[in-house]
Amino acid sequence: MSYLEKETELQTMVNTGQLMDAFEKFYAADVVMVEATGDKIEGKDAAREHEIEFLGKVEAFHGAGITKITSNEEEATTMAEVWMEVTFKGMDAPIKMEQVTVKQW
């Protein structure tokens, strides 16, 4: 399976409500997640807690998608521009979140 195929499968799983399944399947034990704030979450256990905490804040999931996706197969690196629209608990209106993810496989 190519790195592009892995990234596409991971994003498709996330976009269809299987975020934690994708996390368990694709994330390494030594994962480092860097938030837009610059905060780092290091290690799979800490990253898992972070994702579970995020999901616990979501009241409703309205959709998600991949805007762009690419890979450098020789460097084992993928990038995806993705979006997700959710309503958080205690909020009246949905929020569309957009991010660029970069993964070193």
PDB file of N, CA and C in Angstrom:
ATOM      1  N   MET A   1       0.847  -1.172   0.000  1.00  0.00           N
ATOM      2  CA  MET A   1       0.000   0.000   0.000  1.00  0.00           C
ATOM      3  C   MET A   1       0.899   1.244   0.000  1.00  0.00           C
ATOM      4  N   SER A   2       0.632   2.171  -0.897  1.00  0.00           N
ATOM      5  CA  SER A   2       1.435   3.392  -0.977  1.00  0.00           C
ATOM      6  C   SER A   2       1.104   4.307   0.203  1.00  0.00           C
ATOM      7  N   TYR A   3       1.983   5.278   0.439  1.00  0.00           N
ATOM      8  CA  TYR A   3       1.722   6.239   1.506  1.00  0.00           C
ATOM      9  C   TYR A   3       0.502   7.087   1.178  1.00  0.00           C
ATOM     10  N   LEU A   4       0.305   7.403  -0.093  1.00  0.00           N
ATOM     11  CA  LEU A   4      -0.887   8.148  -0.496  1.00  0.00           C
ATOM     12  C   LEU A   4      -2.146   7.333  -0.205  1.00  0.00           C
ATOM     13  N   GLU A   5      -2.110   6.043  -0.471  1.00  0.00           N
ATOM     14  CA  GLU A   5      -3.260   5.184  -0.173  1.00  0.00           C
ATOM     15  C   GLU A   5      -3.511   5.119   1.328  1.00  0.00           C
ATOM     16  N   LYS A   6      -2.449   5.048   2.116  1.00  0.00           N
ATOM     17  CA  LYS A   6      -2.607   5.037   3.579  1.00  0.00           C
ATOM     18  C   LYS A   6      -3.238   6.335   4.067  1.00  0.00           C
ATOM     19  N   GLU A   7      -2.714   7.464   3.587  1.00  0.00           N
ATOM     20  CA  GLU A   7      -3.258   8.765   4.002  1.00  0.00           C
ATOM     21  C   GLU A   7      -4.711   8.907   3.577  1.00  0.00           C
ATOM     22  N   THR A   8      -5.027   8.471   2.370  1.00  0.00           N
ATOM     23  CA  THR A   8      -6.412   8.550   1.885  1.00  0.00           C
ATOM     24  C   THR A   8      -7.326   7.690   2.736  1.00  0.00           C
ATOM     25  N   GLU A   9      -6.895   6.483   3.076  1.00  0.00           N
ATOM     26  CA  GLU A   9      -7.711   5.615   3.931  1.00  0.00           C
ATOM     27  C   GLU A   9      -7.900   6.230   5.312  1.00  0.00           C
ATOM     28  N   LEU A  10      -6.821   6.761   5.882  1.00  0.00           N
ATOM     29  CA  LEU A  10      -6.910   7.390   7.197  1.00  0.00           C
ATOM     30  C   LEU A  10      -7.921   8.543   7.165  1.00  0.00           C
ATOM     31  N   GLN A  11      -7.793   9.430   6.194  1.00  0.00           N
ATOM     32  CA  GLN A  11      -8.703  10.574   6.114  1.00  0.00           C
ATOM     33  C   GLN A  11     -10.145  10.146   5.845  1.00  0.00           C
ATOM     34  N   THR A  12     -10.322   9.145   5.021  1.00  0.00           N
ATOM     35  CA  THR A  12     -11.672   8.645   4.744  1.00  0.00           C
ATOM     36  C   THR A  12     -12.300   8.074   6.013  1.00  0.00           C
ATOM     37  N   MET A  13     -11.518   7.353   6.788  1.00  0.00           N
ATOM     38  CA  MET A  13     -12.028   6.811   8.057  1.00  0.00           C
ATOM     39  C   MET A  13     -12.436   7.944   8.999  1.00  0.00           C
ATOM     40  N   VAL A  14     -11.594   8.957   9.126  1.00  0.00           N
ATOM     41  CA  VAL A  14     -11.918  10.100   9.986  1.00  0.00           C
ATOM     42  C   VAL A  14     -13.203  10.770   9.506  1.00  0.00           C
ATOM     43  N   ASN A  15     -13.315  10.964   8.198  1.00  0.00           N
ATOM     44  CA  ASN A  15     -14.463  11.675   7.633  1.00  0.00           C
ATOM     45  C   ASN A  15     -15.762  10.899   7.722  1.00  0.00           C
ATOM     46  N   THR A  16     -15.681   9.611   7.997  1.00  0.00           N
ATOM     47  CA  THR A  16     -16.895   8.794   8.122  1.00  0.00           C
ATOM     48  C   THR A  16     -17.137   8.381   9.575  1.00  0.00           C
ATOM     49  N   GLY A  17     -16.577   9.148  10.511  1.00  0.00           N
ATOM     50  CA  GLY A  17     -16.859   8.927  11.923  1.00  0.00           C
ATOM     51  C   GLY A  17     -16.037   7.840  12.589  1.00  0.00           C
ATOM     52  N   GLN A  18     -14.938   7.448  11.973  1.00  0.00           N
ATOM     53  CA  GLN A  18     -14.102   6.380  12.530  1.00  0.00           C
ATOM     54  C   GLN A  18     -12.754   6.924  12.989  1.00  0.00           C
ATOM     55  N   LEU A  19     -12.767   8.102  13.603  1.00  0.00           N
ATOM     56  CA  LEU A  19     -11.526   8.752  13.993  1.00  0.00           C
ATOM     57  C   LEU A  19     -10.668   7.857  14.876  1.00  0.00           C
ATOM     58  N   MET A  20     -11.231   7.265  15.899  1.00  0.00           N
ATOM     59  CA  MET A  20     -10.432   6.468  16.823  1.00  0.00           C
ATOM     60  C   MET A  20      -9.948   5.171  16.181  1.00  0.00           C
ATOM     61  N   ASP A  21     -10.741   4.589  15.301  1.00  0.00           N
ATOM     62  CA  ASP A  21     -10.280   3.401  14.573  1.00  0.00           C
ATOM     63  C   ASP A  21      -9.085   3.754  13.690  1.00  0.00           C
ATOM     64  N   ALA A  22      -9.160   4.901  13.006  1.00  0.00           N
ATOM     65  CA  ALA A  22      -8.051   5.362  12.170  1.00  0.00           C
ATOM     66  C   ALA A  22      -6.825   5.645  13.030  1.00  0.00           C
ATOM     67  N   PHE A  23      -7.056   6.251  14.180  1.00  0.00           N
ATOM     68  CA  PHE A  23      -5.958   6.547  15.099  1.00  0.00           C
ATOM     69  C   PHE A  23      -5.225   5.269  15.489  1.00  0.00           C
ATOM     70  N   GLU A  24      -5.979   4.277  15.905  1.00  0.00           N
ATOM     71  CA  GLU A  24      -5.349   3.021  16.354  1.00  0.00           C
ATOM     72  C   GLU A  24      -4.635   2.306  15.211  1.00  0.00           C
ATOM     73  N   LYS A  25      -5.194   2.380  14.022  1.00  0.00           N
ATOM     74  CA  LYS A  25      -4.612   1.676  12.883  1.00  0.00           C
ATOM     75  C   LYS A  25      -3.342   2.345  12.361  1.00  0.00           C
ATOM     76  N   PHE A  26      -3.323   3.665  12.336  1.00  0.00           N
ATOM     77  CA  PHE A  26      -2.267   4.353  11.608  1.00  0.00           C
ATOM     78  C   PHE A  26      -1.247   5.111  12.455  1.00  0.00           C
ATOM     79  N   TYR A  27      -1.554   5.440  13.678  1.00  0.00           N
ATOM     80  CA  TYR A  27      -0.625   6.267  14.450  1.00  0.00           C
ATOM     81  C   TYR A  27       0.411   5.415  15.162  1.00  0.00           C
ATOM     82  N   ALA A  28       1.673   5.857  15.124  1.00  0.00           N
ATOM     83  CA  ALA A  28       2.791   5.139  15.728  1.00  0.00           C
ATOM     84  C   ALA A  28       2.845   5.404  17.233  1.00  0.00           C
ATOM     85  N   ALA A  29       3.509   4.518  17.950  1.00  0.00           N
ATOM     86  CA  ALA A  29       3.664   4.658  19.400  1.00  0.00           C
ATOM     87  C   ALA A  29       4.380   5.953  19.763  1.00  0.00           C
ATOM     88  N   ASP A  30       5.279   6.421  18.899  1.00  0.00           N
ATOM     89  CA  ASP A  30       6.049   7.626  19.194  1.00  0.00           C
ATOM     90  C   ASP A  30       5.538   8.861  18.437  1.00  0.00           C
ATOM     91  N   VAL A  31       4.252   8.871  18.124  1.00  0.00           N
ATOM     92  CA  VAL A  31       3.653   9.984  17.399  1.00  0.00           C
ATOM     93  C   VAL A  31       3.889  11.303  18.146  1.00  0.00           C
ATOM     94  N   VAL A  32       4.090  12.363  17.379  1.00  0.00           N
ATOM     95  CA  VAL A  32       4.139  13.719  17.921  1.00  0.00           C
ATOM     96  C   VAL A  32       3.124  14.536  17.131  1.00  0.00           C
ATOM     97  N   MET A  33       2.124  15.039  17.824  1.00  0.00           N
ATOM     98  CA  MET A  33       1.122  15.896  17.195  1.00  0.00           C
ATOM     99  C   MET A  33       1.422  17.329  17.617  1.00  0.00           C
ATOM    100  N   VAL A  34       1.437  18.244  16.638  1.00  0.00           N
ATOM    101  CA  VAL A  34       1.690  19.647  16.920  1.00  0.00           C
ATOM    102  C   VAL A  34       0.429  20.425  16.549  1.00  0.00           C
ATOM    103  N   GLU A  35      -0.140  21.083  17.539  1.00  0.00           N
ATOM    104  CA  GLU A  35      -1.352  21.865  17.324  1.00  0.00           C
ATOM    105  C   GLU A  35      -1.007  23.213  16.683  1.00  0.00           C
ATOM    106  N   ALA A  36      -2.008  23.911  16.171  1.00  0.00           N
ATOM    107  CA  ALA A  36      -1.806  25.227  15.564  1.00  0.00           C
ATOM    108  C   ALA A  36      -1.208  26.217  16.559  1.00  0.00           C
ATOM    109  N   THR A  37      -1.433  25.990  17.834  1.00  0.00           N
ATOM    110  CA  THR A  37      -0.890  26.849  18.889  1.00  0.00           C
ATOM    111  C   THR A  37       0.596  26.605  19.117  1.00  0.00           C
ATOM    112  N   GLY A  38       1.112  25.511  18.548  1.00  0.00           N
ATOM    113  CA  GLY A  38       2.493  25.119  18.776  1.00  0.00           C
ATOM    114  C   GLY A  38       2.634  24.075  19.867  1.00  0.00           C
ATOM    115  N   ASP A  39       1.553  23.821  20.602  1.00  0.00           N
ATOM    116  CA  ASP A  39       1.580  22.804  21.647  1.00  0.00           C
ATOM    117  C   ASP A  39       1.831  21.437  21.033  1.00  0.00           C
ATOM    118  N   LYS A  40       2.679  20.646  21.702  1.00  0.00           N
ATOM    119  CA  LYS A  40       2.995  19.300  21.227  1.00  0.00           C
ATOM    120  C   LYS A  40       2.346  18.267  22.134  1.00  0.00           C
ATOM    121  N   ILE A  41       1.800  17.231  21.515  1.00  0.00           N
ATOM    122  CA  ILE A  41       1.294  16.071  22.229  1.00  0.00           C
ATOM    123  C   ILE A  41       2.188  14.922  21.794  1.00  0.00           C
ATOM    124  N   GLU A  42       2.930  14.352  22.728  1.00  0.00           N
ATOM    125  CA  GLU A  42       3.919  13.337  22.388  1.00  0.00           C
ATOM    126  C   GLU A  42       3.531  11.971  22.935  1.00  0.00           C
ATOM    127  N   GLY A  43       3.604  10.972  22.074  1.00  0.00           N
ATOM    128  CA  GLY A  43       3.300   9.595  22.441  1.00  0.00           C
ATOM    129  C   GLY A  43       1.861   9.233  22.144  1.00  0.00           C
ATOM    130  N   LYS A  44       1.649   7.976  21.801  1.00  0.00           N
ATOM    131  CA  LYS A  44       0.316   7.523  21.386  1.00  0.00           C
ATOM    132  C   LYS A  44      -0.703   7.607  22.516  1.00  0.00           C
ATOM    133  N   ASP A  45      -0.299   7.305  23.748  1.00  0.00           N
ATOM    134  CA  ASP A  45      -1.252   7.368  24.858  1.00  0.00           C
ATOM    135  C   ASP A  45      -1.755   8.797  25.078  1.00  0.00           C
ATOM    136  N   ALA A  46      -0.843   9.770  25.082  1.00  0.00           N
ATOM    137  CA  ALA A  46      -1.234  11.167  25.264  1.00  0.00           C
ATOM    138  C   ALA A  46      -2.064  11.661  24.078  1.00  0.00           C
ATOM    139  N   ALA A  47      -1.686  11.256  22.876  1.00  0.00           N
ATOM    140  CA  ALA A  47      -2.431  11.658  21.682  1.00  0.00           C
ATOM    141  C   ALA A  47      -3.834  11.050  21.691  1.00  0.00           C
ATOM    142  N   ARG A  48      -3.943   9.804  22.140  1.00  0.00           N
ATOM    143  CA  ARG A  48      -5.253   9.152  22.242  1.00  0.00           C
ATOM    144  C   ARG A  48      -6.149   9.933  23.203  1.00  0.00           C
ATOM    145  N   GLU A  49      -5.622  10.289  24.365  1.00  0.00           N
ATOM    146  CA  GLU A  49      -6.392  11.074  25.340  1.00  0.00           C
ATOM    147  C   GLU A  49      -6.842  12.396  24.737  1.00  0.00           C
ATOM    148  N   HIS A  50      -5.954  13.035  23.982  1.00  0.00           N
ATOM    149  CA  HIS A  50      -6.273  14.305  23.334  1.00  0.00           C
ATOM    150  C   HIS A  50      -7.445  14.133  22.356  1.00  0.00           C
ATOM    151  N   GLU A  51      -7.404  13.096  21.552  1.00  0.00           N
ATOM    152  CA  GLU A  51      -8.474  12.858  20.579  1.00  0.00           C
ATOM    153  C   GLU A  51      -9.798  12.514  21.273  1.00  0.00           C
ATOM    154  N   ILE A  52      -9.730  11.714  22.317  1.00  0.00           N
ATOM    155  CA  ILE A  52     -10.944  11.355  23.069  1.00  0.00           C
ATOM    156  C   ILE A  52     -11.550  12.602  23.707  1.00  0.00           C
ATOM    157  N   GLU A  53     -10.690  13.475  24.238  1.00  0.00           N
ATOM    158  CA  GLU A  53     -11.164  14.734  24.828  1.00  0.00           C
ATOM    159  C   GLU A  53     -11.859  15.591  23.773  1.00  0.00           C
ATOM    160  N   PHE A  54     -11.269  15.684  22.579  1.00  0.00           N
ATOM    161  CA  PHE A  54     -11.882  16.442  21.489  1.00  0.00           C
ATOM    162  C   PHE A  54     -13.258  15.874  21.156  1.00  0.00           C
ATOM    163  N   LEU A  55     -13.341  14.561  20.969  1.00  0.00           N
ATOM    164  CA  LEU A  55     -14.619  13.936  20.616  1.00  0.00           C
ATOM    165  C   LEU A  55     -15.666  14.154  21.699  1.00  0.00           C
ATOM    166  N   GLY A  56     -15.246  14.200  22.953  1.00  0.00           N
ATOM    167  CA  GLY A  56     -16.173  14.427  24.053  1.00  0.00           C
ATOM    168  C   GLY A  56     -16.797  15.812  24.050  1.00  0.00           C
ATOM    169  N   LYS A  57     -16.189  16.747  23.348  1.00  0.00           N
ATOM    170  CA  LYS A  57     -16.705  18.117  23.258  1.00  0.00           C
ATOM    171  C   LYS A  57     -17.691  18.293  22.109  1.00  0.00           C
ATOM    172  N   VAL A  58     -17.784  17.293  21.226  1.00  0.00           N
ATOM    173  CA  VAL A  58     -18.607  17.413  20.024  1.00  0.00           C
ATOM    174  C   VAL A  58     -20.041  16.973  20.313  1.00  0.00           C
ATOM    175  N   GLU A  59     -20.966  17.869  20.023  1.00  0.00           N
ATOM    176  CA  GLU A  59     -22.395  17.580  20.154  1.00  0.00           C
ATOM    177  C   GLU A  59     -22.917  16.894  18.893  1.00  0.00           C
ATOM    178  N   ALA A  60     -22.522  17.428  17.719  1.00  0.00           N
ATOM    179  CA  ALA A  60     -23.004  16.886  16.447  1.00  0.00           C
ATOM    180  C   ALA A  60     -21.924  17.039  15.381  1.00  0.00           C
ATOM    181  N   PHE A  61     -21.843  16.035  14.531  1.00  0.00           N
ATOM    182  CA  PHE A  61     -20.908  16.003  13.418  1.00  0.00           C
ATOM    183  C   PHE A  61     -21.710  16.245  12.149  1.00  0.00           C
ATOM    184  N   HIS A  62     -21.328  17.266  11.373  1.00  0.00           N
ATOM    185  CA  HIS A  62     -22.114  17.650  10.196  1.00  0.00           C
ATOM    186  C   HIS A  62     -21.458  17.279   8.878  1.00  0.00           C
ATOM    187  N   GLY A  63     -20.200  16.927   8.903  1.00  0.00           N
ATOM    188  CA  GLY A  63     -19.528  16.551   7.667  1.00  0.00           C
ATOM    189  C   GLY A  63     -18.054  16.840   7.734  1.00  0.00           C
ATOM    190  N   ALA A  64     -17.348  16.264   6.771  1.00  0.00           N
ATOM    191  CA  ALA A  64     -15.901  16.450   6.679  1.00  0.00           C
ATOM    192  C   ALA A  64     -15.473  16.099   5.271  1.00  0.00           C
ATOM    193  N   GLY A  65     -14.291  16.556   4.911  1.00  0.00           N
ATOM    194  CA  GLY A  65     -13.814  16.240   3.575  1.00  0.00           C
ATOM    195  C   GLY A  65     -12.342  16.521   3.400  1.00  0.00           C
ATOM    196  N   ILE A  66     -11.839  16.042   2.291  1.00  0.00           N
ATOM    197  CA  ILE A  66     -10.457  16.249   1.898  1.00  0.00           C
ATOM    198  C   ILE A  66     -10.470  17.270   0.764  1.00  0.00           C
ATOM    199  N   THR A  67      -9.787  18.388   0.962  1.00  0.00           N
ATOM    200  CA  THR A  67      -9.690  19.410  -0.074  1.00  0.00           C
ATOM    201  C   THR A  67      -8.566  19.072  -1.038  1.00  0.00           C
ATOM    202  N   LYS A  68      -7.412  18.730  -0.470  1.00  0.00           N
ATOM    203  CA  LYS A  68      -6.245  18.349  -1.270  1.00  0.00           C
ATOM    204  C   LYS A  68      -5.478  17.283  -0.512  1.00  0.00           C
ATOM    205  N   ILE A  69      -4.796  16.424  -1.259  1.00  0.00           N
ATOM    206  CA  ILE A  69      -3.994  15.375  -0.634  1.00  0.00           C
ATOM    207  C   ILE A  69      -2.838  15.033  -1.571  1.00  0.00           C
ATOM    208  N   THR A  70      -1.680  14.792  -0.983  1.00  0.00           N
ATOM    209  CA  THR A  70      -0.509  14.476  -1.797  1.00  0.00           C
ATOM    210  C   THR A  70       0.468  13.643  -0.980  1.00  0.00           C
ATOM    211  N   SER A  71       1.439  13.073  -1.678  1.00  0.00           N
ATOM    212  CA  SER A  71       2.482  12.319  -0.976  1.00  0.00           C
ATOM    213  C   SER A  71       3.801  12.439  -1.715  1.00  0.00           C
ATOM    214  N   ASN A  72       4.858  12.236  -0.963  1.00  0.00           N
ATOM    215  CA  ASN A  72       6.196  12.060  -1.506  1.00  0.00           C
ATOM    216  C   ASN A  72       6.568  10.635  -1.111  1.00  0.00           C
ATOM    217  N   GLU A  73       6.387   9.717  -2.016  1.00  0.00           N
ATOM    218  CA  GLU A  73       6.588   8.299  -1.717  1.00  0.00           C
ATOM    219  C   GLU A  73       8.036   7.999  -1.327  1.00  0.00           C
ATOM    220  N   GLU A  74       8.995   8.687  -1.952  1.00  0.00           N
ATOM    221  CA  GLU A  74      10.407   8.438  -1.643  1.00  0.00           C
ATOM    222  C   GLU A  74      10.773   8.888  -0.236  1.00  0.00           C
ATOM    223  N   GLU A  75      10.129   9.955   0.244  1.00  0.00           N
ATOM    224  CA  GLU A  75      10.418  10.490   1.574  1.00  0.00           C
ATOM    225  C   GLU A  75       9.438   9.980   2.631  1.00  0.00           C
ATOM    226  N   ALA A  76       8.465   9.151   2.226  1.00  0.00           N
ATOM    227  CA  ALA A  76       7.457   8.603   3.143  1.00  0.00           C
ATOM    228  C   ALA A  76       6.723   9.715   3.893  1.00  0.00           C
ATOM    229  N   THR A  77       6.317  10.736   3.140  1.00  0.00           N
ATOM    230  CA  THR A  77       5.640  11.892   3.725  1.00  0.00           C
ATOM    231  C   THR A  77       4.345  12.148   2.980  1.00  0.00           C
ATOM    232  N   THR A  78       3.282  12.437   3.742  1.00  0.00           N
ATOM    233  CA  THR A  78       2.000  12.791   3.132  1.00  0.00           C
ATOM    234  C   THR A  78       1.521  14.113   3.716  1.00  0.00           C
ATOM    235  N   MET A  79       0.681  14.791   2.934  1.00  0.00           N
ATOM    236  CA  MET A  79       0.053  16.026   3.382  1.00  0.00           C
ATOM    237  C   MET A  79      -1.387  16.034   2.887  1.00  0.00           C
ATOM    238  N   ALA A  80      -2.261  16.521   3.756  1.00  0.00           N
ATOM    239  CA  ALA A  80      -3.663  16.625   3.375  1.00  0.00           C
ATOM    240  C   ALA A  80      -4.232  17.927   3.924  1.00  0.00           C
ATOM    241  N   GLU A  81      -4.992  18.606   3.092  1.00  0.00           N
ATOM    242  CA  GLU A  81      -5.779  19.758   3.526  1.00  0.00           C
ATOM    243  C   GLU A  81      -7.188  19.232   3.736  1.00  0.00           C
ATOM    244  N   VAL A  82      -7.684  19.338   4.963  1.00  0.00           N
ATOM    245  CA  VAL A  82      -8.961  18.726   5.314  1.00  0.00           C
ATOM    246  C   VAL A  82      -9.843  19.718   6.069  1.00  0.00           C
ATOM    247  N   TRP A  83     -11.133  19.417   6.106  1.00  0.00           N
ATOM    248  CA  TRP A  83     -12.075  20.237   6.861  1.00  0.00           C
ATOM    249  C   TRP A  83     -13.054  19.328   7.602  1.00  0.00           C
ATOM    250  N   MET A  84     -13.630  19.880   8.648  1.00  0.00           N
ATOM    251  CA  MET A  84     -14.628  19.175   9.436  1.00  0.00           C
ATOM    252  C   MET A  84     -15.601  20.220   9.978  1.00  0.00           C
ATOM    253  N   GLU A  85     -16.879  19.921   9.934  1.00  0.00           N
ATOM    254  CA  GLU A  85     -17.881  20.818  10.491  1.00  0.00           C
ATOM    255  C   GLU A  85     -18.586  20.112  11.636  1.00  0.00           C
ATOM    256  N   VAL A  86     -18.524  20.729  12.809  1.00  0.00           N
ATOM    257  CA  VAL A  86     -19.121  20.151  14.019  1.00  0.00           C
ATOM    258  C   VAL A  86     -19.833  21.235  14.807  1.00  0.00           C
ATOM    259  N   THR A  87     -20.744  20.800  15.654  1.00  0.00           N
ATOM    260  CA  THR A  87     -21.304  21.674  16.674  1.00  0.00           C
ATOM    261  C   THR A  87     -20.782  21.175  18.003  1.00  0.00           C
ATOM    262  N   PHE A  88     -20.149  22.075  18.749  1.00  0.00           N
ATOM    263  CA  PHE A  88     -19.639  21.706  20.059  1.00  0.00           C
ATOM    264  C   PHE A  88     -20.747  21.817  21.099  1.00  0.00           C
ATOM    265  N   LYS A  89     -20.647  21.027  22.129  1.00  0.00           N
ATOM    266  CA  LYS A  89     -21.613  21.065  23.224  1.00  0.00           C
ATOM    267  C   LYS A  89     -21.695  22.475  23.786  1.00  0.00           C
ATOM    268  N   GLY A  90     -22.926  22.943  23.998  1.00  0.00           N
ATOM    269  CA  GLY A  90     -23.142  24.268  24.551  1.00  0.00           C
ATOM    270  C   GLY A  90     -23.132  25.381  23.527  1.00  0.00           C
ATOM    271  N   MET A  91     -22.958  25.037  22.250  1.00  0.00           N
ATOM    272  CA  MET A  91     -22.955  26.059  21.198  1.00  0.00           C
ATOM    273  C   MET A  91     -24.177  25.845  20.308  1.00  0.00           C
ATOM    274  N   ASP A  92     -24.675  26.928  19.758  1.00  0.00           N
ATOM    275  CA  ASP A  92     -25.858  26.852  18.914  1.00  0.00           C
ATOM    276  C   ASP A  92     -25.558  26.583  17.446  1.00  0.00           C
ATOM    277  N   ALA A  93     -24.410  27.057  16.984  1.00  0.00           N
ATOM    278  CA  ALA A  93     -24.116  26.985  15.551  1.00  0.00           C
ATOM    279  C   ALA A  93     -22.916  26.080  15.286  1.00  0.00           C
ATOM    280  N   PRO A  94     -22.929  25.427  14.136  1.00  0.00           N
ATOM    281  CA  PRO A  94     -21.769  24.609  13.769  1.00  0.00           C
ATOM    282  C   PRO A  94     -20.544  25.471  13.450  1.00  0.00           C
ATOM    283  N   ILE A  95     -19.386  24.850  13.576  1.00  0.00           N
ATOM    284  CA  ILE A  95     -18.113  25.491  13.269  1.00  0.00           C
ATOM    285  C   ILE A  95     -17.408  24.641  12.219  1.00  0.00           C
ATOM    286  N   LYS A  96     -16.906  25.305  11.183  1.00  0.00           N
ATOM    287  CA  LYS A  96     -16.113  24.604  10.179  1.00  0.00           C
ATOM    288  C   LYS A  96     -14.646  24.806  10.528  1.00  0.00           C
ATOM    289  N   MET A  97     -13.950  23.705  10.755  1.00  0.00           N
ATOM    290  CA  MET A  97     -12.529  23.744  11.075  1.00  0.00           C
ATOM    291  C   MET A  97     -11.758  23.233   9.866  1.00  0.00           C
ATOM    292  N   GLU A  98     -10.658  23.899   9.563  1.00  0.00           N
ATOM    293  CA  GLU A  98      -9.812  23.487   8.456  1.00  0.00           C
ATOM    294  C   GLU A  98      -8.391  23.318   8.968  1.00  0.00           C
ATOM    295  N   GLN A  99      -7.684  22.332   8.435  1.00  0.00           N
ATOM    296  CA  GLN A  99      -6.293  22.136   8.835  1.00  0.00           C
ATOM    297  C   GLN A  99      -5.507  21.471   7.721  1.00  0.00           C
ATOM    298  N   VAL A 100      -4.203  21.620   7.829  1.00  0.00           N
ATOM    299  CA  VAL A 100      -3.274  20.900   6.955  1.00  0.00           C
ATOM    300  C   VAL A 100      -2.540  19.918   7.851  1.00  0.00           C
ATOM    301  N   THR A 101      -2.538  18.663   7.458  1.00  0.00           N
ATOM    302  CA  THR A 101      -1.827  17.635   8.213  1.00  0.00           C
ATOM    303  C   THR A 101      -0.612  17.187   7.410  1.00  0.00           C
ATOM    304  N   VAL A 102       0.480  16.998   8.109  1.00  0.00           N
ATOM    305  CA  VAL A 102       1.702  16.481   7.497  1.00  0.00           C
ATOM    306  C   VAL A 102       2.112  15.269   8.298  1.00  0.00           C
ATOM    307  N   LYS A 103       2.341  14.168   7.613  1.00  0.00           N
ATOM    308  CA  LYS A 103       2.721  12.932   8.309  1.00  0.00           C
ATOM    309  C   LYS A 103       4.015  12.372   7.725  1.00  0.00           C
ATOM    310  N   GLN A 104       4.885  11.990   8.619  1.00  0.00           N
ATOM    311  CA  GLN A 104       6.095  11.255   8.255  1.00  0.00           C
ATOM    312  C   GLN A 104       5.844   9.810   8.652  1.00  0.00           C
ATOM    313  N   TRP A 105       5.763   8.930   7.693  1.00  0.00           N
ATOM    314  CA  TRP A 105       5.392   7.546   7.957  1.00  0.00           C
ATOM    315  C   TRP A 105       6.585   6.783   8.391  1.00  0.00           C
TER     316      TRP A 105
END
